[in-house]
């Protein structure tokens, strides 16, 4: 149960990060598919898989393509309640990889 709550909180926080920047967000309830969140703004759409870990590295075994249904697909990993990074899917993600969530959303929005 704890892991589900941790995952839900990470998804909720990413969702709120996008909403604060004017994006419309749909959460895929139950997270049984390849993505957890779909975000839309000004004709743009992005699919996001959200993960959370208390370790300095995260091992990802999910969907490994850069796009989903013709739209960008990104892996978002929340580390130690500190940094949330956005990266193209890869097997091992460290907290120094990728781009900070706020910077990523700013660039995506422009």
PDB file of N, CA and C in Angstrom:
ATOM      1  N   UNK A   1       0.821  -1.204   0.000  1.00  0.00           N
ATOM      2  CA  UNK A   1       0.000   0.000   0.000  1.00  0.00           C
ATOM      3  C   UNK A   1       0.856   1.256   0.000  1.00  0.00           C
ATOM      4  N   UNK A   2       1.973   1.233   0.751  1.00  0.00           N
ATOM      5  CA  UNK A   2       2.843   2.406   0.840  1.00  0.00           C
ATOM      6  C   UNK A   2       3.394   2.789  -0.525  1.00  0.00           C
ATOM      7  N   UNK A   3       3.846   1.787  -1.311  1.00  0.00           N
ATOM      8  CA  UNK A   3       4.390   2.073  -2.633  1.00  0.00           C
ATOM      9  C   UNK A   3       3.353   2.693  -3.554  1.00  0.00           C
ATOM     10  N   UNK A   4       2.102   2.233  -3.464  1.00  0.00           N
ATOM     11  CA  UNK A   4       1.039   2.814  -4.282  1.00  0.00           C
ATOM     12  C   UNK A   4       0.798   4.267  -3.904  1.00  0.00           C
ATOM     13  N   UNK A   5       0.820   4.559  -2.617  1.00  0.00           N
ATOM     14  CA  UNK A   5       0.622   5.949  -2.170  1.00  0.00           C
ATOM     15  C   UNK A   5       1.781   6.828  -2.614  1.00  0.00           C
ATOM     16  N   UNK A   6       3.006   6.327  -2.523  1.00  0.00           N
ATOM     17  CA  UNK A   6       4.178   7.080  -2.954  1.00  0.00           C
ATOM     18  C   UNK A   6       4.068   7.379  -4.446  1.00  0.00           C
ATOM     19  N   UNK A   7       3.679   6.381  -5.221  1.00  0.00           N
ATOM     20  CA  UNK A   7       3.506   6.560  -6.658  1.00  0.00           C
ATOM     21  C   UNK A   7       2.397   7.542  -6.986  1.00  0.00           C
ATOM     22  N   UNK A   8       1.295   7.443  -6.262  1.00  0.00           N
ATOM     23  CA  UNK A   8       0.175   8.361  -6.477  1.00  0.00           C
ATOM     24  C   UNK A   8       0.608   9.800  -6.188  1.00  0.00           C
ATOM     25  N   UNK A   9       1.344  10.002  -5.095  1.00  0.00           N
ATOM     26  CA  UNK A   9       1.811  11.358  -4.747  1.00  0.00           C
ATOM     27  C   UNK A   9       2.728  11.916  -5.833  1.00  0.00           C
ATOM     28  N   UNK A  10       3.612  11.097  -6.355  1.00  0.00           N
ATOM     29  CA  UNK A  10       4.511  11.550  -7.419  1.00  0.00           C
ATOM     30  C   UNK A  10       3.699  11.937  -8.659  1.00  0.00           C
ATOM     31  N   UNK A  11       2.724  11.121  -9.037  1.00  0.00           N
ATOM     32  CA  UNK A  11       1.866  11.432 -10.184  1.00  0.00           C
ATOM     33  C   UNK A  11       1.093  12.726  -9.946  1.00  0.00           C
ATOM     34  N   UNK A  12       0.554  12.866  -8.759  1.00  0.00           N
ATOM     35  CA  UNK A  12      -0.218  14.070  -8.419  1.00  0.00           C
ATOM     36  C   UNK A  12       0.656  15.312  -8.493  1.00  0.00           C
ATOM     37  N   UNK A  13       1.872  15.234  -7.982  1.00  0.00           N
ATOM     38  CA  UNK A  13       2.771  16.385  -7.999  1.00  0.00           C
ATOM     39  C   UNK A  13       3.159  16.777  -9.422  1.00  0.00           C
ATOM     40  N   UNK A  14       3.437  15.801 -10.271  1.00  0.00           N
ATOM     41  CA  UNK A  14       3.764  16.098 -11.666  1.00  0.00           C
ATOM     42  C   UNK A  14       2.545  16.711 -12.357  1.00  0.00           C
ATOM     43  N   UNK A  15       1.381  16.147 -12.099  1.00  0.00           N
ATOM     44  CA  UNK A  15       0.147  16.686 -12.662  1.00  0.00           C
ATOM     45  C   UNK A  15      -0.020  18.153 -12.268  1.00  0.00           C
ATOM     46  N   UNK A  16       0.185  18.466 -11.004  1.00  0.00           N
ATOM     47  CA  UNK A  16       0.045  19.847 -10.531  1.00  0.00           C
ATOM     48  C   UNK A  16       1.102  20.761 -11.139  1.00  0.00           C
ATOM     49  N   UNK A  17       2.322  20.255 -11.325  1.00  0.00           N
ATOM     50  CA  UNK A  17       3.374  21.045 -11.974  1.00  0.00           C
ATOM     51  C   UNK A  17       2.931  21.478 -13.370  1.00  0.00           C
ATOM     52  N   UNK A  18       2.343  20.561 -14.125  1.00  0.00           N
ATOM     53  CA  UNK A  18       1.875  20.890 -15.469  1.00  0.00           C
ATOM     54  C   UNK A  18       0.680  21.839 -15.423  1.00  0.00           C
ATOM     55  N   UNK A  19      -0.262  21.602 -14.533  1.00  0.00           N
ATOM     56  CA  UNK A  19      -1.453  22.454 -14.422  1.00  0.00           C
ATOM     57  C   UNK A  19      -1.059  23.893 -14.089  1.00  0.00           C
ATOM     58  N   UNK A  20      -0.090  24.068 -13.183  1.00  0.00           N
ATOM     59  CA  UNK A  20       0.371  25.417 -12.814  1.00  0.00           C
ATOM     60  C   UNK A  20       0.911  26.189 -14.012  1.00  0.00           C
ATOM     61  N   UNK A  21       1.393  25.465 -15.023  1.00  0.00           N
ATOM     62  CA  UNK A  21       1.943  26.102 -16.226  1.00  0.00           C
ATOM     63  C   UNK A  21       0.912  26.172 -17.358  1.00  0.00           C
ATOM     64  N   UNK A  22      -0.363  25.933 -17.024  1.00  0.00           N
ATOM     65  CA  UNK A  22      -1.439  26.103 -17.992  1.00  0.00           C
ATOM     66  C   UNK A  22      -1.787  24.889 -18.828  1.00  0.00           C
ATOM     67  N   UNK A  23      -1.246  23.729 -18.497  1.00  0.00           N
ATOM     68  CA  UNK A  23      -1.537  22.507 -19.235  1.00  0.00           C
ATOM     69  C   UNK A  23      -2.812  21.854 -18.717  1.00  0.00           C
ATOM     70  N   UNK A  24      -3.516  21.170 -19.578  1.00  0.00           N
ATOM     71  CA  UNK A  24      -4.634  20.294 -19.202  1.00  0.00           C
ATOM     72  C   UNK A  24      -4.031  18.905 -19.038  1.00  0.00           C
ATOM     73  N   UNK A  25      -4.408  18.218 -17.978  1.00  0.00           N
ATOM     74  CA  UNK A  25      -3.790  16.928 -17.667  1.00  0.00           C
ATOM     75  C   UNK A  25      -4.848  15.873 -17.392  1.00  0.00           C
ATOM     76  N   UNK A  26      -4.627  14.689 -17.961  1.00  0.00           N
ATOM     77  CA  UNK A  26      -5.486  13.535 -17.705  1.00  0.00           C
ATOM     78  C   UNK A  26      -4.616  12.465 -17.080  1.00  0.00           C
ATOM     79  N   UNK A  27      -5.054  11.964 -15.933  1.00  0.00           N
ATOM     80  CA  UNK A  27      -4.331  10.883 -15.265  1.00  0.00           C
ATOM     81  C   UNK A  27      -4.960   9.558 -15.657  1.00  0.00           C
ATOM     82  N   UNK A  28      -4.137   8.614 -16.043  1.00  0.00           N
ATOM     83  CA  UNK A  28      -4.613   7.275 -16.403  1.00  0.00           C
ATOM     84  C   UNK A  28      -4.797   6.482 -15.113  1.00  0.00           C
ATOM     85  N   UNK A  29      -6.022   6.390 -14.637  1.00  0.00           N
ATOM     86  CA  UNK A  29      -6.310   5.705 -13.392  1.00  0.00           C
ATOM     87  C   UNK A  29      -5.839   4.265 -13.379  1.00  0.00           C
ATOM     88  N   UNK A  30      -5.214   3.864 -12.291  1.00  0.00           N
ATOM     89  CA  UNK A  30      -4.756   2.494 -12.150  1.00  0.00           C
ATOM     90  C   UNK A  30      -3.381   2.252 -12.736  1.00  0.00           C
ATOM     91  N   UNK A  31      -2.951   3.136 -13.610  1.00  0.00           N
ATOM     92  CA  UNK A  31      -1.606   3.057 -14.204  1.00  0.00           C
ATOM     93  C   UNK A  31      -1.269   1.664 -14.734  1.00  0.00           C
ATOM     94  N   UNK A  32      -2.196   1.072 -15.445  1.00  0.00           N
ATOM     95  CA  UNK A  32      -1.962  -0.269 -15.967  1.00  0.00           C
ATOM     96  C   UNK A  32      -1.379  -0.250 -17.377  1.00  0.00           C
ATOM     97  N   UNK A  33      -1.288   0.930 -17.978  1.00  0.00           N
ATOM     98  CA  UNK A  33      -0.776   1.031 -19.339  1.00  0.00           C
ATOM     99  C   UNK A  33       0.657   1.513 -19.374  1.00  0.00           C
ATOM    100  N   UNK A  34       1.059   1.993 -20.528  1.00  0.00           N
ATOM    101  CA  UNK A  34       2.427   2.449 -20.736  1.00  0.00           C
ATOM    102  C   UNK A  34       2.686   3.817 -20.110  1.00  0.00           C
ATOM    103  N   UNK A  35       1.646   4.585 -19.865  1.00  0.00           N
ATOM    104  CA  UNK A  35       1.796   5.951 -19.354  1.00  0.00           C
ATOM    105  C   UNK A  35       0.865   6.184 -18.159  1.00  0.00           C
ATOM    106  N   UNK A  36       1.221   7.194 -17.362  1.00  0.00           N
ATOM    107  CA  UNK A  36       0.408   7.567 -16.204  1.00  0.00           C
ATOM    108  C   UNK A  36      -0.368   8.850 -16.442  1.00  0.00           C
ATOM    109  N   UNK A  37       0.208   9.743 -17.242  1.00  0.00           N
ATOM    110  CA  UNK A  37      -0.371  11.069 -17.450  1.00  0.00           C
ATOM    111  C   UNK A  37      -0.259  11.443 -18.924  1.00  0.00           C
ATOM    112  N   UNK A  38      -1.302  12.121 -19.416  1.00  0.00           N
ATOM    113  CA  UNK A  38      -1.264  12.759 -20.727  1.00  0.00           C
ATOM    114  C   UNK A  38      -1.488  14.249 -20.474  1.00  0.00           C
ATOM    115  N   UNK A  39      -0.612  15.092 -21.030  1.00  0.00           N
ATOM    116  CA  UNK A  39      -0.736  16.540 -20.852  1.00  0.00           C
ATOM    117  C   UNK A  39      -0.937  17.202 -22.215  1.00  0.00           C
ATOM    118  N   UNK A  40      -1.824  18.222 -22.265  1.00  0.00           N
ATOM    119  CA  UNK A  40      -2.177  18.928 -23.496  1.00  0.00           C
ATOM    120  C   UNK A  40      -2.058  20.437 -23.289  1.00  0.00           C
ATOM    121  N   UNK A  41      -1.528  21.130 -24.302  1.00  0.00           N
ATOM    122  CA  UNK A  41      -1.520  22.594 -24.275  1.00  0.00           C
ATOM    123  C   UNK A  41      -1.204  23.117 -25.669  1.00  0.00           C
ATOM    124  N   UNK A  42      -2.024  24.043 -26.153  1.00  0.00           N
ATOM    125  CA  UNK A  42      -1.784  24.720 -27.432  1.00  0.00           C
ATOM    126  C   UNK A  42      -1.441  23.751 -28.563  1.00  0.00           C
ATOM    127  N   UNK A  43      -2.203  22.691 -28.680  1.00  0.00           N
ATOM    128  CA  UNK A  43      -1.990  21.730 -29.751  1.00  0.00           C
ATOM    129  C   UNK A  43      -0.858  20.745 -29.499  1.00  0.00           C
ATOM    130  N   UNK A  44      -0.200  20.863 -28.369  1.00  0.00           N
ATOM    131  CA  UNK A  44       0.864  19.923 -28.011  1.00  0.00           C
ATOM    132  C   UNK A  44       0.301  18.856 -27.084  1.00  0.00           C
ATOM    133  N   UNK A  45       0.880  17.666 -27.167  1.00  0.00           N
ATOM    134  CA  UNK A  45       0.459  16.547 -26.324  1.00  0.00           C
ATOM    135  C   UNK A  45       1.703  15.753 -25.953  1.00  0.00           C
ATOM    136  N   UNK A  46       1.768  15.304 -24.704  1.00  0.00           N
ATOM    137  CA  UNK A  46       2.898  14.491 -24.261  1.00  0.00           C
ATOM    138  C   UNK A  46       2.399  13.400 -23.317  1.00  0.00           C
ATOM    139  N   UNK A  47       2.972  12.219 -23.455  1.00  0.00           N
ATOM    140  CA  UNK A  47       2.670  11.086 -22.588  1.00  0.00           C
ATOM    141  C   UNK A  47       3.803  10.933 -21.585  1.00  0.00           C
ATOM    142  N   UNK A  48       3.461  10.695 -20.320  1.00  0.00           N
ATOM    143  CA  UNK A  48       4.457  10.619 -19.260  1.00  0.00           C
ATOM    144  C   UNK A  48       4.268   9.373 -18.403  1.00  0.00           C
ATOM    145  N   UNK A  49       5.348   8.681 -18.143  1.00  0.00           N
ATOM    146  CA  UNK A  49       5.373   7.577 -17.178  1.00  0.00           C
ATOM    147  C   UNK A  49       6.062   8.135 -15.939  1.00  0.00           C
ATOM    148  N   UNK A  50       5.396   8.074 -14.795  1.00  0.00           N
ATOM    149  CA  UNK A  50       5.904   8.666 -13.564  1.00  0.00           C
ATOM    150  C   UNK A  50       6.376   7.566 -12.617  1.00  0.00           C
ATOM    151  N   UNK A  51       7.585   7.729 -12.085  1.00  0.00           N
ATOM    152  CA  UNK A  51       8.146   6.785 -11.123  1.00  0.00           C
ATOM    153  C   UNK A  51       8.709   7.564  -9.940  1.00  0.00           C
ATOM    154  N   UNK A  52       8.866   6.885  -8.816  1.00  0.00           N
ATOM    155  CA  UNK A  52       9.397   7.502  -7.610  1.00  0.00           C
ATOM    156  C   UNK A  52      10.321   6.512  -6.910  1.00  0.00           C
ATOM    157  N   UNK A  53      11.420   7.031  -6.344  1.00  0.00           N
ATOM    158  CA  UNK A  53      12.352   6.157  -5.633  1.00  0.00           C
ATOM    159  C   UNK A  53      13.028   6.901  -4.490  1.00  0.00           C
ATOM    160  N   UNK A  54      13.431   6.150  -3.482  1.00  0.00           N
ATOM    161  CA  UNK A  54      14.199   6.708  -2.369  1.00  0.00           C
ATOM    162  C   UNK A  54      15.692   6.484  -2.563  1.00  0.00           C
ATOM    163  N   UNK A  55      16.066   5.913  -3.689  1.00  0.00           N
ATOM    164  CA  UNK A  55      17.470   5.616  -3.975  1.00  0.00           C
ATOM    165  C   UNK A  55      18.041   6.666  -4.927  1.00  0.00           C
ATOM    166  N   UNK A  56      19.350   6.613  -5.149  1.00  0.00           N
ATOM    167  CA  UNK A  56      19.976   7.586  -6.049  1.00  0.00           C
ATOM    168  C   UNK A  56      19.926   7.139  -7.504  1.00  0.00           C
ATOM    169  N   UNK A  57      19.546   5.874  -7.746  1.00  0.00           N
ATOM    170  CA  UNK A  57      19.366   5.352  -9.099  1.00  0.00           C
ATOM    171  C   UNK A  57      18.034   4.625  -9.185  1.00  0.00           C
ATOM    172  N   UNK A  58      17.447   4.695 -10.371  1.00  0.00           N
ATOM    173  CA  UNK A  58      16.191   4.005 -10.610  1.00  0.00           C
ATOM    174  C   UNK A  58      16.360   3.098 -11.824  1.00  0.00           C
ATOM    175  N   UNK A  59      15.933   1.846 -11.697  1.00  0.00           N
ATOM    176  CA  UNK A  59      16.015   0.872 -12.778  1.00  0.00           C
ATOM    177  C   UNK A  59      14.626   0.744 -13.410  1.00  0.00           C
ATOM    178  N   UNK A  60      14.545   1.117 -14.684  1.00  0.00           N
ATOM    179  CA  UNK A  60      13.268   1.183 -15.390  1.00  0.00           C
ATOM    180  C   UNK A  60      13.148   0.016 -16.369  1.00  0.00           C
ATOM    181  N   UNK A  61      11.998  -0.671 -16.325  1.00  0.00           N
ATOM    182  CA  UNK A  61      11.775  -1.833 -17.173  1.00  0.00           C
ATOM    183  C   UNK A  61      10.535  -1.675 -18.051  1.00  0.00           C
ATOM    184  N   UNK A  62      10.069  -0.449 -18.209  1.00  0.00           N
ATOM    185  CA  UNK A  62       8.836  -0.224 -18.958  1.00  0.00           C
ATOM    186  C   UNK A  62       9.047   0.102 -20.421  1.00  0.00           C
ATOM    187  N   UNK A  63       8.114   0.828 -20.954  1.00  0.00           N
ATOM    188  CA  UNK A  63       8.085   1.252 -22.353  1.00  0.00           C
ATOM    189  C   UNK A  63       9.349   2.039 -22.677  1.00  0.00           C
ATOM    190  N   UNK A  64      10.059   1.672 -23.753  1.00  0.00           N
ATOM    191  CA  UNK A  64      11.377   2.247 -24.023  1.00  0.00           C
ATOM    192  C   UNK A  64      11.443   3.114 -25.282  1.00  0.00           C
ATOM    193  N   UNK A  65      10.341   3.500 -25.847  1.00  0.00           N
ATOM    194  CA  UNK A  65      10.340   4.330 -27.058  1.00  0.00           C
ATOM    195  C   UNK A  65      10.248   5.816 -26.699  1.00  0.00           C
ATOM    196  N   UNK A  66      10.709   6.682 -27.616  1.00  0.00           N
ATOM    197  CA  UNK A  66      10.649   8.136 -27.402  1.00  0.00           C
ATOM    198  C   UNK A  66       9.289   8.733 -27.751  1.00  0.00           C
ATOM    199  N   UNK A  67       8.427   7.914 -28.367  1.00  0.00           N
ATOM    200  CA  UNK A  67       7.091   8.414 -28.700  1.00  0.00           C
ATOM    201  C   UNK A  67       6.056   7.321 -28.426  1.00  0.00           C
ATOM    202  N   UNK A  68       4.817   7.782 -28.248  1.00  0.00           N
ATOM    203  CA  UNK A  68       3.697   6.881 -28.011  1.00  0.00           C
ATOM    204  C   UNK A  68       2.540   7.425 -28.850  1.00  0.00           C
ATOM    205  N   UNK A  69       2.005   6.620 -29.721  1.00  0.00           N
ATOM    206  CA  UNK A  69       0.896   7.021 -30.597  1.00  0.00           C
ATOM    207  C   UNK A  69       1.250   8.286 -31.385  1.00  0.00           C
ATOM    208  N   UNK A  70       2.535   8.442 -31.720  1.00  0.00           N
ATOM    209  CA  UNK A  70       2.972   9.589 -32.508  1.00  0.00           C
ATOM    210  C   UNK A  70       3.269  10.849 -31.711  1.00  0.00           C
ATOM    211  N   UNK A  71       3.153  10.781 -30.383  1.00  0.00           N
ATOM    212  CA  UNK A  71       3.424  11.934 -29.527  1.00  0.00           C
ATOM    213  C   UNK A  71       4.636  11.634 -28.636  1.00  0.00           C
ATOM    214  N   UNK A  72       5.306  12.688 -28.159  1.00  0.00           N
ATOM    215  CA  UNK A  72       6.469  12.455 -27.281  1.00  0.00           C
ATOM    216  C   UNK A  72       6.098  11.643 -26.043  1.00  0.00           C
ATOM    217  N   UNK A  73       7.009  10.779 -25.651  1.00  0.00           N
ATOM    218  CA  UNK A  73       6.866   9.971 -24.439  1.00  0.00           C
ATOM    219  C   UNK A  73       8.103  10.199 -23.582  1.00  0.00           C
ATOM    220  N   UNK A  74       7.895  10.534 -22.317  1.00  0.00           N
ATOM    221  CA  UNK A  74       9.007  10.785 -21.405  1.00  0.00           C
ATOM    222  C   UNK A  74       8.818  10.010 -20.104  1.00  0.00           C
ATOM    223  N   UNK A  75       9.946   9.678 -19.519  1.00  0.00           N
ATOM    224  CA  UNK A  75       9.985   9.063 -18.191  1.00  0.00           C
ATOM    225  C   UNK A  75      10.269  10.171 -17.188  1.00  0.00           C
ATOM    226  N   UNK A  76       9.472  10.227 -16.136  1.00  0.00           N
ATOM    227  CA  UNK A  76       9.656  11.213 -15.072  1.00  0.00           C
ATOM    228  C   UNK A  76       9.959  10.442 -13.794  1.00  0.00           C
ATOM    229  N   UNK A  77      11.110  10.735 -13.175  1.00  0.00           N
ATOM    230  CA  UNK A  77      11.495  10.027 -11.956  1.00  0.00           C
ATOM    231  C   UNK A  77      11.684  11.035 -10.834  1.00  0.00           C
ATOM    232  N   UNK A  78      10.978  10.782  -9.743  1.00  0.00           N
ATOM    233  CA  UNK A  78      11.070  11.630  -8.551  1.00  0.00           C
ATOM    234  C   UNK A  78      12.040  10.951  -7.578  1.00  0.00           C
ATOM    235  N   UNK A  79      13.149  11.643  -7.257  1.00  0.00           N
ATOM    236  CA  UNK A  79      14.191  11.091  -6.390  1.00  0.00           C
ATOM    237  C   UNK A  79      14.139  11.672  -4.983  1.00  0.00           C
ATOM    238  N   UNK A  80      14.095  10.793  -3.994  1.00  0.00           N
ATOM    239  CA  UNK A  80      14.283  11.163  -2.582  1.00  0.00           C
ATOM    240  C   UNK A  80      13.531  12.399  -2.122  1.00  0.00           C
ATOM    241  N   UNK A  81      12.380  12.631  -2.684  1.00  0.00           N
ATOM    242  CA  UNK A  81      11.605  13.815  -2.318  1.00  0.00           C
ATOM    243  C   UNK A  81      12.379  15.110  -2.552  1.00  0.00           C
ATOM    244  N   UNK A  82      13.360  15.064  -3.462  1.00  0.00           N
ATOM    245  CA  UNK A  82      14.184  16.236  -3.753  1.00  0.00           C
ATOM    246  C   UNK A  82      13.996  16.680  -5.186  1.00  0.00           C
ATOM    247  N   UNK A  83      14.580  15.944  -6.102  1.00  0.00           N
ATOM    248  CA  UNK A  83      14.617  16.352  -7.504  1.00  0.00           C
ATOM    249  C   UNK A  83      13.743  15.437  -8.344  1.00  0.00           C
ATOM    250  N   UNK A  84      12.996  16.040  -9.253  1.00  0.00           N
ATOM    251  CA  UNK A  84      12.202  15.288 -10.204  1.00  0.00           C
ATOM    252  C   UNK A  84      12.779  15.552 -11.585  1.00  0.00           C
ATOM    253  N   UNK A  85      13.184  14.473 -12.278  1.00  0.00           N
ATOM    254  CA  UNK A  85      13.830  14.617 -13.585  1.00  0.00           C
ATOM    255  C   UNK A  85      12.952  14.049 -14.692  1.00  0.00           C
ATOM    256  N   UNK A  86      13.097  14.640 -15.871  1.00  0.00           N
ATOM    257  CA  UNK A  86      12.397  14.181 -17.069  1.00  0.00           C
ATOM    258  C   UNK A  86      13.461  13.730 -18.054  1.00  0.00           C
ATOM    259  N   UNK A  87      13.256  12.552 -18.631  1.00  0.00           N
ATOM    260  CA  UNK A  87      14.268  11.967 -19.501  1.00  0.00           C
ATOM    261  C   UNK A  87      13.598  11.033 -20.502  1.00  0.00           C
ATOM    262  N   UNK A  88      14.245  10.833 -21.638  1.00  0.00           N
ATOM    263  CA  UNK A  88      13.779   9.790 -22.551  1.00  0.00           C
ATOM    264  C   UNK A  88      13.978   8.453 -21.845  1.00  0.00           C
ATOM    265  N   UNK A  89      13.101   7.495 -22.094  1.00  0.00           N
ATOM    266  CA  UNK A  89      13.208   6.215 -21.387  1.00  0.00           C
ATOM    267  C   UNK A  89      14.586   5.558 -21.547  1.00  0.00           C
ATOM    268  N   UNK A  90      15.123   5.112 -20.433  1.00  0.00           N
ATOM    269  CA  UNK A  90      16.369   4.352 -20.418  1.00  0.00           C
ATOM    270  C   UNK A  90      16.343   3.426 -19.219  1.00  0.00           C
ATOM    271  N   UNK A  91      17.190   2.402 -19.241  1.00  0.00           N
ATOM    272  CA  UNK A  91      17.140   1.363 -18.210  1.00  0.00           C
ATOM    273  C   UNK A  91      17.575   1.835 -16.832  1.00  0.00           C
ATOM    274  N   UNK A  92      18.581   2.702 -16.768  1.00  0.00           N
ATOM    275  CA  UNK A  92      19.068   3.193 -15.480  1.00  0.00           C
ATOM    276  C   UNK A  92      19.034   4.717 -15.499  1.00  0.00           C
ATOM    277  N   UNK A  93      18.382   5.301 -14.491  1.00  0.00           N
ATOM    278  CA  UNK A  93      18.278   6.759 -14.382  1.00  0.00           C
ATOM    279  C   UNK A  93      18.834   7.165 -13.032  1.00  0.00           C
ATOM    280  N   UNK A  94      19.733   8.144 -13.043  1.00  0.00           N
ATOM    281  CA  UNK A  94      20.232   8.677 -11.767  1.00  0.00           C
ATOM    282  C   UNK A  94      19.659  10.066 -11.565  1.00  0.00           C
ATOM    283  N   UNK A  95      19.781  10.565 -10.333  1.00  0.00           N
ATOM    284  CA  UNK A  95      19.189  11.864 -10.029  1.00  0.00           C
ATOM    285  C   UNK A  95      19.892  13.010 -10.744  1.00  0.00           C
ATOM    286  N   UNK A  96      21.050  12.763 -11.342  1.00  0.00           N
ATOM    287  CA  UNK A  96      21.767  13.797 -12.098  1.00  0.00           C
ATOM    288  C   UNK A  96      21.465  13.736 -13.591  1.00  0.00           C
ATOM    289  N   UNK A  97      20.674  12.760 -14.023  1.00  0.00           N
ATOM    290  CA  UNK A  97      20.317  12.625 -15.434  1.00  0.00           C
ATOM    291  C   UNK A  97      19.145  13.537 -15.771  1.00  0.00           C
ATOM    292  N   UNK A  98      18.939  13.698 -17.054  1.00  0.00           N
ATOM    293  CA  UNK A  98      17.749  14.385 -17.530  1.00  0.00           C
ATOM    294  C   UNK A  98      17.695  15.850 -17.181  1.00  0.00           C
ATOM    295  N   UNK A  99      16.478  16.344 -17.167  1.00  0.00           N
ATOM    296  CA  UNK A  99      16.221  17.758 -16.960  1.00  0.00           C
ATOM    297  C   UNK A  99      15.247  17.919 -15.801  1.00  0.00           C
ATOM    298  N   UNK A 100      15.435  18.931 -15.013  1.00  0.00           N
ATOM    299  CA  UNK A 100      14.522  19.229 -13.908  1.00  0.00           C
ATOM    300  C   UNK A 100      13.109  19.446 -14.471  1.00  0.00           C
ATOM    301  N   UNK A 101      12.093  18.975 -13.751  1.00  0.00           N
ATOM    302  CA  UNK A 101      10.706  19.032 -14.231  1.00  0.00           C
ATOM    303  C   UNK A 101      10.269  20.451 -14.588  1.00  0.00           C
ATOM    304  N   UNK A 102      10.614  21.435 -13.767  1.00  0.00           N
ATOM    305  CA  UNK A 102      10.186  22.818 -14.037  1.00  0.00           C
ATOM    306  C   UNK A 102      10.822  23.361 -15.314  1.00  0.00           C
ATOM    307  N   UNK A 103      12.097  23.096 -15.489  1.00  0.00           N
ATOM    308  CA  UNK A 103      12.790  23.532 -16.713  1.00  0.00           C
ATOM    309  C   UNK A 103      12.203  22.844 -17.936  1.00  0.00           C
ATOM    310  N   UNK A 104      11.929  21.555 -17.810  1.00  0.00           N
ATOM    311  CA  UNK A 104      11.349  20.797 -18.915  1.00  0.00           C
ATOM    312  C   UNK A 104      10.004  21.378 -19.330  1.00  0.00           C
ATOM    313  N   UNK A 105       9.135  21.658 -18.359  1.00  0.00           N
ATOM    314  CA  UNK A 105       7.797  22.175 -18.678  1.00  0.00           C
ATOM    315  C   UNK A 105       7.906  23.561 -19.306  1.00  0.00           C
ATOM    316  N   UNK A 106       8.801  24.389 -18.795  1.00  0.00           N
ATOM    317  CA  UNK A 106       9.006  25.732 -19.377  1.00  0.00           C
ATOM    318  C   UNK A 106       9.403  25.623 -20.844  1.00  0.00           C
ATOM    319  N   UNK A 107      10.368  24.775 -21.157  1.00  0.00           N
ATOM    320  CA  UNK A 107      10.830  24.611 -22.538  1.00  0.00           C
ATOM    321  C   UNK A 107       9.723  24.039 -23.418  1.00  0.00           C
ATOM    322  N   UNK A 108       8.990  23.073 -22.892  1.00  0.00           N
ATOM    323  CA  UNK A 108       7.911  22.440 -23.644  1.00  0.00           C
ATOM    324  C   UNK A 108       6.787  23.432 -23.929  1.00  0.00           C
ATOM    325  N   UNK A 109       6.562  24.354 -23.012  1.00  0.00           N
ATOM    326  CA  UNK A 109       5.470  25.322 -23.152  1.00  0.00           C
ATOM    327  C   UNK A 109       5.770  26.416 -24.152  1.00  0.00           C
ATOM    328  N   UNK A 110       7.038  26.654 -24.447  1.00  0.00           N
ATOM    329  CA  UNK A 110       7.373  27.775 -25.352  1.00  0.00           C
ATOM    330  C   UNK A 110       7.402  27.365 -26.795  1.00  0.00           C
TER     331      UNK A 110
END
